[in-house]
PDB file of N, CA and C in Angstrom:
ATOM      1  N   MET A   1     -14.970  -2.124  11.888  1.00  0.00           N
ATOM      2  CA  MET A   1     -13.735  -1.694  12.522  1.00  0.00           C
ATOM      3  C   MET A   1     -13.056  -2.936  13.117  1.00  0.00           C
ATOM      4  N   HIS A   2     -11.766  -3.042  12.913  1.00  0.00           N
ATOM      5  CA  HIS A   2     -10.989  -4.184  13.405  1.00  0.00           C
ATOM      6  C   HIS A   2     -10.432  -3.885  14.795  1.00  0.00           C
ATOM      7  N   SER A   3     -10.555  -4.842  15.673  1.00  0.00           N
ATOM      8  CA  SER A   3     -10.027  -4.706  17.022  1.00  0.00           C
ATOM      9  C   SER A   3      -8.643  -5.346  17.075  1.00  0.00           C
ATOM     10  N   ILE A   4      -7.691  -4.606  17.603  1.00  0.00           N
ATOM     11  CA  ILE A   4      -6.311  -5.087  17.695  1.00  0.00           C
ATOM     12  C   ILE A   4      -5.880  -4.999  19.150  1.00  0.00           C
ATOM     13  N   LYS A   5      -5.365  -6.107  19.687  1.00  0.00           N
ATOM     14  CA  LYS A   5      -4.991  -6.135  21.105  1.00  0.00           C
ATOM     15  C   LYS A   5      -3.651  -5.461  21.372  1.00  0.00           C
ATOM     16  N   GLU A   6      -2.743  -5.493  20.398  1.00  0.00           N
ATOM     17  CA  GLU A   6      -1.433  -4.873  20.586  1.00  0.00           C
ATOM     18  C   GLU A   6      -1.560  -3.341  20.533  1.00  0.00           C
ATOM     19  N   VAL A   7      -0.559  -2.680  21.056  1.00  0.00           N
ATOM     20  CA  VAL A   7      -0.491  -1.221  20.988  1.00  0.00           C
ATOM     21  C   VAL A   7       0.180  -0.851  19.668  1.00  0.00           C
ATOM     22  N   ILE A   8      -0.393   0.096  18.956  1.00  0.00           N
ATOM     23  CA  ILE A   8       0.173   0.540  17.688  1.00  0.00           C
ATOM     24  C   ILE A   8       0.938   1.838  17.923  1.00  0.00           C
ATOM     25  N   VAL A   9       2.159   1.887  17.426  1.00  0.00           N
ATOM     26  CA  VAL A   9       3.008   3.065  17.563  1.00  0.00           C
ATOM     27  C   VAL A   9       3.177   3.690  16.183  1.00  0.00           C
ATOM     28  N   VAL A  10       2.863   4.993  16.085  1.00  0.00           N
ATOM     29  CA  VAL A  10       2.988   5.723  14.824  1.00  0.00           C
ATOM     30  C   VAL A  10       3.825   6.977  15.054  1.00  0.00           C
ATOM     31  N   GLU A  11       4.245   7.601  13.960  1.00  0.00           N
ATOM     32  CA  GLU A  11       5.115   8.772  14.065  1.00  0.00           C
ATOM     33  C   GLU A  11       4.391  10.046  14.505  1.00  0.00           C
ATOM     34  N   GLY A  12       3.250  10.329  13.905  1.00  0.00           N
ATOM     35  CA  GLY A  12       2.656  11.638  14.155  1.00  0.00           C
ATOM     36  C   GLY A  12       1.153  11.636  14.343  1.00  0.00           C
ATOM     37  N   ARG A  13       0.636  12.822  14.595  1.00  0.00           N
ATOM     38  CA  ARG A  13      -0.778  13.020  14.871  1.00  0.00           C
ATOM     39  C   ARG A  13      -1.657  12.618  13.688  1.00  0.00           C
ATOM     40  N   TYR A  14      -1.243  12.964  12.463  1.00  0.00           N
ATOM     41  CA  TYR A  14      -2.023  12.608  11.281  1.00  0.00           C
ATOM     42  C   TYR A  14      -2.115  11.092  11.139  1.00  0.00           C
ATOM     43  N   ASP A  15      -1.005  10.407  11.365  1.00  0.00           N
ATOM     44  CA  ASP A  15      -0.998   8.938  11.289  1.00  0.00           C
ATOM     45  C   ASP A  15      -1.971   8.344  12.309  1.00  0.00           C
ATOM     46  N   LYS A  16      -1.946   8.883  13.512  1.00  0.00           N
ATOM     47  CA  LYS A  16      -2.830   8.396  14.577  1.00  0.00           C
ATOM     48  C   LYS A  16      -4.295   8.620  14.215  1.00  0.00           C
ATOM     49  N   ASN A  17      -4.621   9.806  13.714  1.00  0.00           N
ATOM     50  CA  ASN A  17      -6.003  10.109  13.349  1.00  0.00           C
ATOM     51  C   ASN A  17      -6.500   9.206  12.226  1.00  0.00           C
ATOM     52  N   ALA A  18      -5.671   9.018  11.202  1.00  0.00           N
ATOM     53  CA  ALA A  18      -6.074   8.184  10.065  1.00  0.00           C
ATOM     54  C   ALA A  18      -6.280   6.735  10.509  1.00  0.00           C
ATOM     55  N   LEU A  19      -5.374   6.212  11.307  1.00  0.00           N
ATOM     56  CA  LEU A  19      -5.460   4.820  11.739  1.00  0.00           C
ATOM     57  C   LEU A  19      -6.621   4.587  12.697  1.00  0.00           C
ATOM     58  N   SER A  20      -6.915   5.566  13.531  1.00  0.00           N
ATOM     59  CA  SER A  20      -8.005   5.404  14.501  1.00  0.00           C
ATOM     60  C   SER A  20      -9.368   5.312  13.827  1.00  0.00           C
ATOM     61  N   GLN A  21      -9.452   5.680  12.566  1.00  0.00           N
ATOM     62  CA  GLN A  21     -10.714   5.573  11.844  1.00  0.00           C
ATOM     63  C   GLN A  21     -10.977   4.163  11.332  1.00  0.00           C
ATOM     64  N   ILE A  22      -9.946   3.316  11.315  1.00  0.00           N
ATOM     65  CA  ILE A  22     -10.136   1.969  10.773  1.00  0.00           C
ATOM     66  C   ILE A  22      -9.843   0.841  11.756  1.00  0.00           C
ATOM     67  N   VAL A  23      -9.215   1.148  12.890  1.00  0.00           N
ATOM     68  CA  VAL A  23      -8.948   0.107  13.885  1.00  0.00           C
ATOM     69  C   VAL A  23      -9.362   0.565  15.273  1.00  0.00           C
ATOM     70  N   ASP A  24      -9.721  -0.409  16.083  1.00  0.00           N
ATOM     71  CA  ASP A  24     -10.009  -0.167  17.492  1.00  0.00           C
ATOM     72  C   ASP A  24      -8.802  -0.682  18.264  1.00  0.00           C
ATOM     73  N   ALA A  25      -7.934   0.235  18.657  1.00  0.00           N
ATOM     74  CA  ALA A  25      -6.703  -0.142  19.342  1.00  0.00           C
ATOM     75  C   ALA A  25      -6.149   1.055  20.084  1.00  0.00           C
ATOM     76  N   VAL A  26      -5.240   0.784  20.992  1.00  0.00           N
ATOM     77  CA  VAL A  26      -4.489   1.862  21.628  1.00  0.00           C
ATOM     78  C   VAL A  26      -3.423   2.292  20.629  1.00  0.00           C
ATOM     79  N   ILE A  27      -3.403   3.592  20.307  1.00  0.00           N
ATOM     80  CA  ILE A  27      -2.440   4.124  19.340  1.00  0.00           C
ATOM     81  C   ILE A  27      -1.640   5.222  20.034  1.00  0.00           C
ATOM     82  N   ILE A  28      -0.326   5.070  20.001  1.00  0.00           N
ATOM     83  CA  ILE A  28       0.569   6.047  20.622  1.00  0.00           C
ATOM     84  C   ILE A  28       1.434   6.662  19.538  1.00  0.00           C
ATOM     85  N   GLU A  29       1.522   7.988  19.548  1.00  0.00           N
ATOM     86  CA  GLU A  29       2.380   8.656  18.568  1.00  0.00           C
ATOM     87  C   GLU A  29       3.713   9.026  19.205  1.00  0.00           C
ATOM     88  N   THR A  30       4.765   8.930  18.416  1.00  0.00           N
ATOM     89  CA  THR A  30       6.107   9.240  18.919  1.00  0.00           C
ATOM     90  C   THR A  30       6.427  10.718  18.818  1.00  0.00           C
ATOM     91  N   SER A  31       5.613  11.472  18.111  1.00  0.00           N
ATOM     92  CA  SER A  31       5.896  12.884  17.824  1.00  0.00           C
ATOM     93  C   SER A  31       7.209  12.994  17.051  1.00  0.00           C
ATOM     94  N   GLY A  32       7.391  12.090  16.118  1.00  0.00           N
ATOM     95  CA  GLY A  32       8.623  12.084  15.324  1.00  0.00           C
ATOM     96  C   GLY A  32       9.818  11.788  16.199  1.00  0.00           C
ATOM     97  N   PHE A  33      10.827  12.627  16.089  1.00  0.00           N
ATOM     98  CA  PHE A  33      12.033  12.438  16.898  1.00  0.00           C
ATOM     99  C   PHE A  33      11.828  12.841  18.355  1.00  0.00           C
ATOM    100  N   GLY A  34      10.627  13.307  18.705  1.00  0.00           N
ATOM    101  CA  GLY A  34      10.328  13.678  20.084  1.00  0.00           C
ATOM    102  C   GLY A  34      10.477  12.522  21.050  1.00  0.00           C
ATOM    103  N   ILE A  35      10.390  11.299  20.540  1.00  0.00           N
ATOM    104  CA  ILE A  35      10.543  10.112  21.386  1.00  0.00           C
ATOM    105  C   ILE A  35      11.918  10.063  22.047  1.00  0.00           C
ATOM    106  N   PHE A  36      12.921  10.657  21.408  1.00  0.00           N
ATOM    107  CA  PHE A  36      14.282  10.639  21.967  1.00  0.00           C
ATOM    108  C   PHE A  36      14.378  11.451  23.248  1.00  0.00           C
ATOM    109  N   ASN A  37      13.527  12.473  23.399  1.00  0.00           N
ATOM    110  CA  ASN A  37      13.598  13.365  24.556  1.00  0.00           C
ATOM    111  C   ASN A  37      12.491  13.140  25.574  1.00  0.00           C
ATOM    112  N   ASP A  38      11.605  12.189  25.337  1.00  0.00           N
ATOM    113  CA  ASP A  38      10.452  11.982  26.202  1.00  0.00           C
ATOM    114  C   ASP A  38      10.590  10.669  26.974  1.00  0.00           C
ATOM    115  N   GLU A  39      11.206  10.760  28.135  1.00  0.00           N
ATOM    116  CA  GLU A  39      11.455   9.565  28.941  1.00  0.00           C
ATOM    117  C   GLU A  39      10.150   8.907  29.387  1.00  0.00           C
ATOM    118  N   GLY A  40       9.144   9.708  29.680  1.00  0.00           N
ATOM    119  CA  GLY A  40       7.857   9.172  30.098  1.00  0.00           C
ATOM    120  C   GLY A  40       7.224   8.315  29.015  1.00  0.00           C
ATOM    121  N   LYS A  41       7.286   8.788  27.779  1.00  0.00           N
ATOM    122  CA  LYS A  41       6.705   8.034  26.669  1.00  0.00           C
ATOM    123  C   LYS A  41       7.509   6.760  26.407  1.00  0.00           C
ATOM    124  N   ARG A  42       8.824   6.831  26.537  1.00  0.00           N
ATOM    125  CA  ARG A  42       9.659   5.633  26.368  1.00  0.00           C
ATOM    126  C   ARG A  42       9.313   4.582  27.416  1.00  0.00           C
ATOM    127  N   ASN A  43       9.140   5.020  28.667  1.00  0.00           N
ATOM    128  CA  ASN A  43       8.783   4.081  29.734  1.00  0.00           C
ATOM    129  C   ASN A  43       7.398   3.484  29.488  1.00  0.00           C
ATOM    130  N   LEU A  44       6.468   4.305  29.006  1.00  0.00           N
ATOM    131  CA  LEU A  44       5.136   3.807  28.678  1.00  0.00           C
ATOM    132  C   LEU A  44       5.211   2.746  27.590  1.00  0.00           C
ATOM    133  N   LEU A  45       5.998   2.997  26.553  1.00  0.00           N
ATOM    134  CA  LEU A  45       6.139   2.021  25.471  1.00  0.00           C
ATOM    135  C   LEU A  45       6.741   0.709  25.975  1.00  0.00           C
ATOM    136  N   LYS A  46       7.716   0.793  26.879  1.00  0.00           N
ATOM    137  CA  LYS A  46       8.309  -0.424  27.447  1.00  0.00           C
ATOM    138  C   LYS A  46       7.264  -1.241  28.194  1.00  0.00           C
ATOM    139  N   LYS A  47       6.461  -0.567  29.023  1.00  0.00           N
ATOM    140  CA  LYS A  47       5.431  -1.261  29.793  1.00  0.00           C
ATOM    141  C   LYS A  47       4.376  -1.870  28.876  1.00  0.00           C
ATOM    142  N   MET A  48       3.972  -1.112  27.863  1.00  0.00           N
ATOM    143  CA  MET A  48       2.958  -1.604  26.938  1.00  0.00           C
ATOM    144  C   MET A  48       3.494  -2.769  26.106  1.00  0.00           C
ATOM    145  N   ALA A  49       4.761  -2.718  25.744  1.00  0.00           N
ATOM    146  CA  ALA A  49       5.368  -3.805  24.973  1.00  0.00           C
ATOM    147  C   ALA A  49       5.363  -5.101  25.777  1.00  0.00           C
ATOM    148  N   GLU A  50       5.669  -4.999  27.059  1.00  0.00           N
ATOM    149  CA  GLU A  50       5.677  -6.187  27.913  1.00  0.00           C
ATOM    150  C   GLU A  50       4.267  -6.718  28.153  1.00  0.00           C
ATOM    151  N   ALA A  51       3.303  -5.819  28.292  1.00  0.00           N
ATOM    152  CA  ALA A  51       1.938  -6.225  28.625  1.00  0.00           C
ATOM    153  C   ALA A  51       1.147  -6.716  27.411  1.00  0.00           C
ATOM    154  N   LYS A  52       1.249  -5.984  26.291  1.00  0.00           N
ATOM    155  CA  LYS A  52       0.385  -6.274  25.146  1.00  0.00           C
ATOM    156  C   LYS A  52       1.127  -6.557  23.853  1.00  0.00           C
ATOM    157  N   GLY A  53       2.348  -6.069  23.748  1.00  0.00           N
ATOM    158  CA  GLY A  53       3.084  -6.150  22.491  1.00  0.00           C
ATOM    159  C   GLY A  53       2.886  -4.865  21.697  1.00  0.00           C
ATOM    160  N   LEU A  54       3.816  -4.588  20.804  1.00  0.00           N
ATOM    161  CA  LEU A  54       3.760  -3.368  19.997  1.00  0.00           C
ATOM    162  C   LEU A  54       3.724  -3.706  18.515  1.00  0.00           C
ATOM    163  N   ILE A  55       3.008  -2.887  17.772  1.00  0.00           N
ATOM    164  CA  ILE A  55       3.073  -2.880  16.322  1.00  0.00           C
ATOM    165  C   ILE A  55       3.585  -1.492  15.964  1.00  0.00           C
ATOM    166  N   VAL A  56       4.755  -1.417  15.352  1.00  0.00           N
ATOM    167  CA  VAL A  56       5.367  -0.132  15.020  1.00  0.00           C
ATOM    168  C   VAL A  56       5.134   0.150  13.537  1.00  0.00           C
ATOM    169  N   LEU A  57       4.426   1.236  13.260  1.00  0.00           N
ATOM    170  CA  LEU A  57       4.140   1.648  11.888  1.00  0.00           C
ATOM    171  C   LEU A  57       4.754   3.028  11.665  1.00  0.00           C
ATOM    172  N   THR A  58       5.841   3.059  10.929  1.00  0.00           N
ATOM    173  CA  THR A  58       6.488   4.337  10.613  1.00  0.00           C
ATOM    174  C   THR A  58       6.655   4.435   9.101  1.00  0.00           C
ATOM    175  N   ASP A  59       6.950   5.640   8.636  1.00  0.00           N
ATOM    176  CA  ASP A  59       7.192   5.851   7.214  1.00  0.00           C
ATOM    177  C   ASP A  59       8.433   5.071   6.793  1.00  0.00           C
ATOM    178  N   SER A  60       8.540   4.818   5.503  1.00  0.00           N
ATOM    179  CA  SER A  60       9.690   4.060   5.001  1.00  0.00           C
ATOM    180  C   SER A  60      10.847   4.980   4.611  1.00  0.00           C
ATOM    181  N   ASP A  61      10.894   6.154   5.216  1.00  0.00           N
ATOM    182  CA  ASP A  61      11.988   7.089   4.938  1.00  0.00           C
ATOM    183  C   ASP A  61      13.065   6.958   6.020  1.00  0.00           C
ATOM    184  N   GLY A  62      14.076   7.790   5.933  1.00  0.00           N
ATOM    185  CA  GLY A  62      15.189   7.729   6.884  1.00  0.00           C
ATOM    186  C   GLY A  62      14.753   7.955   8.317  1.00  0.00           C
ATOM    187  N   ALA A  63      13.866   8.930   8.527  1.00  0.00           N
ATOM    188  CA  ALA A  63      13.397   9.221   9.883  1.00  0.00           C
ATOM    189  C   ALA A  63      12.637   8.030  10.454  1.00  0.00           C
ATOM    190  N   GLY A  64      11.773   7.425   9.645  1.00  0.00           N
ATOM    191  CA  GLY A  64      11.025   6.262  10.100  1.00  0.00           C
ATOM    192  C   GLY A  64      11.933   5.109  10.463  1.00  0.00           C
ATOM    193  N   PHE A  65      12.991   4.910   9.689  1.00  0.00           N
ATOM    194  CA  PHE A  65      13.972   3.863   9.946  1.00  0.00           C
ATOM    195  C   PHE A  65      14.653   4.093  11.293  1.00  0.00           C
ATOM    196  N   VAL A  66      15.064   5.324  11.551  1.00  0.00           N
ATOM    197  CA  VAL A  66      15.745   5.660  12.809  1.00  0.00           C
ATOM    198  C   VAL A  66      14.812   5.446  13.985  1.00  0.00           C
ATOM    199  N   ILE A  67      13.567   5.889  13.873  1.00  0.00           N
ATOM    200  CA  ILE A  67      12.605   5.741  14.963  1.00  0.00           C
ATOM    201  C   ILE A  67      12.307   4.275  15.221  1.00  0.00           C
ATOM    202  N   ARG A  68      12.093   3.486  14.167  1.00  0.00           N
ATOM    203  CA  ARG A  68      11.839   2.041  14.315  1.00  0.00           C
ATOM    204  C   ARG A  68      12.975   1.358  15.060  1.00  0.00           C
ATOM    205  N   ASN A  69      14.190   1.635  14.639  1.00  0.00           N
ATOM    206  CA  ASN A  69      15.345   1.003  15.287  1.00  0.00           C
ATOM    207  C   ASN A  69      15.510   1.449  16.724  1.00  0.00           C
ATOM    208  N   TYR A  70      15.189   2.689  17.020  1.00  0.00           N
ATOM    209  CA  TYR A  70      15.292   3.197  18.371  1.00  0.00           C
ATOM    210  C   TYR A  70      14.296   2.462  19.290  1.00  0.00           C
ATOM    211  N   ILE A  71      13.075   2.303  18.803  1.00  0.00           N
ATOM    212  CA  ILE A  71      12.051   1.621  19.604  1.00  0.00           C
ATOM    213  C   ILE A  71      12.391   0.150  19.758  1.00  0.00           C
ATOM    214  N   LYS A  72      12.915  -0.449  18.722  1.00  0.00           N
ATOM    215  CA  LYS A  72      13.285  -1.865  18.765  1.00  0.00           C
ATOM    216  C   LYS A  72      14.315  -2.100  19.852  1.00  0.00           C
TER     217      LYS A  72
END
Protein backbone atom coordinates (compact mmCIF):
# COMPACT_ATOMS: atom_id res chain seq x y z
CA MET A 1 0.00 0.00 0.00
CA HIS A 2 1.35 3.44 -0.95
CA SER A 3 1.35 6.21 1.62
CA ILE A 4 0.40 9.65 0.32
CA LYS A 5 0.78 12.78 2.45
CA GLU A 6 -1.61 14.96 0.44
CA VAL A 7 -5.38 14.75 0.84
CA ILE A 8 -7.12 13.04 -2.07
CA VAL A 9 -10.46 14.44 -3.20
CA VAL A 10 -12.84 12.19 -5.17
CA GLU A 11 -16.40 12.53 -6.42
CA GLY A 12 -18.24 9.70 -4.73
CA ARG A 13 -18.37 6.88 -2.23
CA TYR A 14 -17.41 4.19 -4.76
CA ASP A 15 -14.32 6.18 -5.79
CA LYS A 16 -13.32 6.56 -2.14
CA ASN A 17 -13.77 2.85 -1.39
CA ALA A 18 -11.81 1.73 -4.45
CA LEU A 19 -8.94 4.15 -3.80
CA SER A 20 -8.72 3.34 -0.09
CA GLN A 21 -7.83 -0.24 -1.02
CA ILE A 22 -4.61 0.82 -2.74
CA VAL A 23 -3.40 3.95 -0.92
CA ASP A 24 -2.93 5.03 2.66
CA ALA A 25 -4.17 8.60 2.63
CA VAL A 26 -6.91 10.90 3.80
CA ILE A 27 -9.64 10.66 1.15
CA ILE A 28 -12.54 13.11 1.05
CA GLU A 29 -15.53 12.68 -1.23
CA THR A 30 -17.38 15.65 -2.67
CA SER A 31 -20.68 13.77 -2.99
CA GLY A 32 -20.77 14.93 -6.59
CA PHE A 33 -22.35 18.34 -6.86
CA GLY A 34 -23.05 18.21 -3.11
CA ILE A 35 -19.83 20.18 -2.61
CA PHE A 36 -21.65 23.30 -3.87
CA ASN A 37 -24.07 23.20 -0.91
CA ASP A 38 -21.76 21.97 1.85
CA GLU A 39 -19.95 24.93 3.36
CA GLY A 40 -18.38 22.77 6.07
CA LYS A 41 -16.78 20.46 3.52
CA ARG A 42 -15.54 23.43 1.47
CA ASN A 43 -13.92 24.94 4.57
CA LEU A 44 -12.35 21.57 5.41
CA LEU A 45 -10.90 21.31 1.91
CA LYS A 46 -9.44 24.83 2.19
CA LYS A 47 -7.75 23.99 5.50
CA MET A 48 -6.46 20.67 4.21
CA ALA A 49 -5.15 22.29 1.02
CA GLU A 50 -3.14 24.79 3.05
CA ALA A 51 -1.84 22.18 5.50
CA LYS A 52 -1.12 19.18 3.26
CA GLY A 53 -2.06 19.94 -0.33
CA LEU A 54 -4.80 18.33 -2.40
CA ILE A 55 -4.86 15.75 -5.15
CA VAL A 56 -8.18 16.05 -7.00
CA LEU A 57 -9.29 12.91 -8.84
CA THR A 58 -12.57 13.28 -10.70
CA ASP A 59 -14.10 11.63 -13.75
CA SER A 60 -13.19 13.07 -17.14
CA ASP A 61 -16.82 13.91 -17.88
CA GLY A 62 -18.61 17.26 -17.69
CA ALA A 63 -19.51 16.88 -14.02
CA GLY A 64 -15.93 16.03 -13.09
CA PHE A 65 -14.69 19.07 -15.02
CA VAL A 66 -17.11 21.38 -13.17
CA ILE A 67 -16.19 19.94 -9.76
CA ARG A 68 -12.43 20.17 -10.48
CA ASN A 69 -12.71 23.80 -11.51
CA TYR A 70 -14.87 24.64 -8.52
CA ILE A 71 -12.32 23.17 -6.09
CA LYS A 72 -9.45 24.84 -7.92
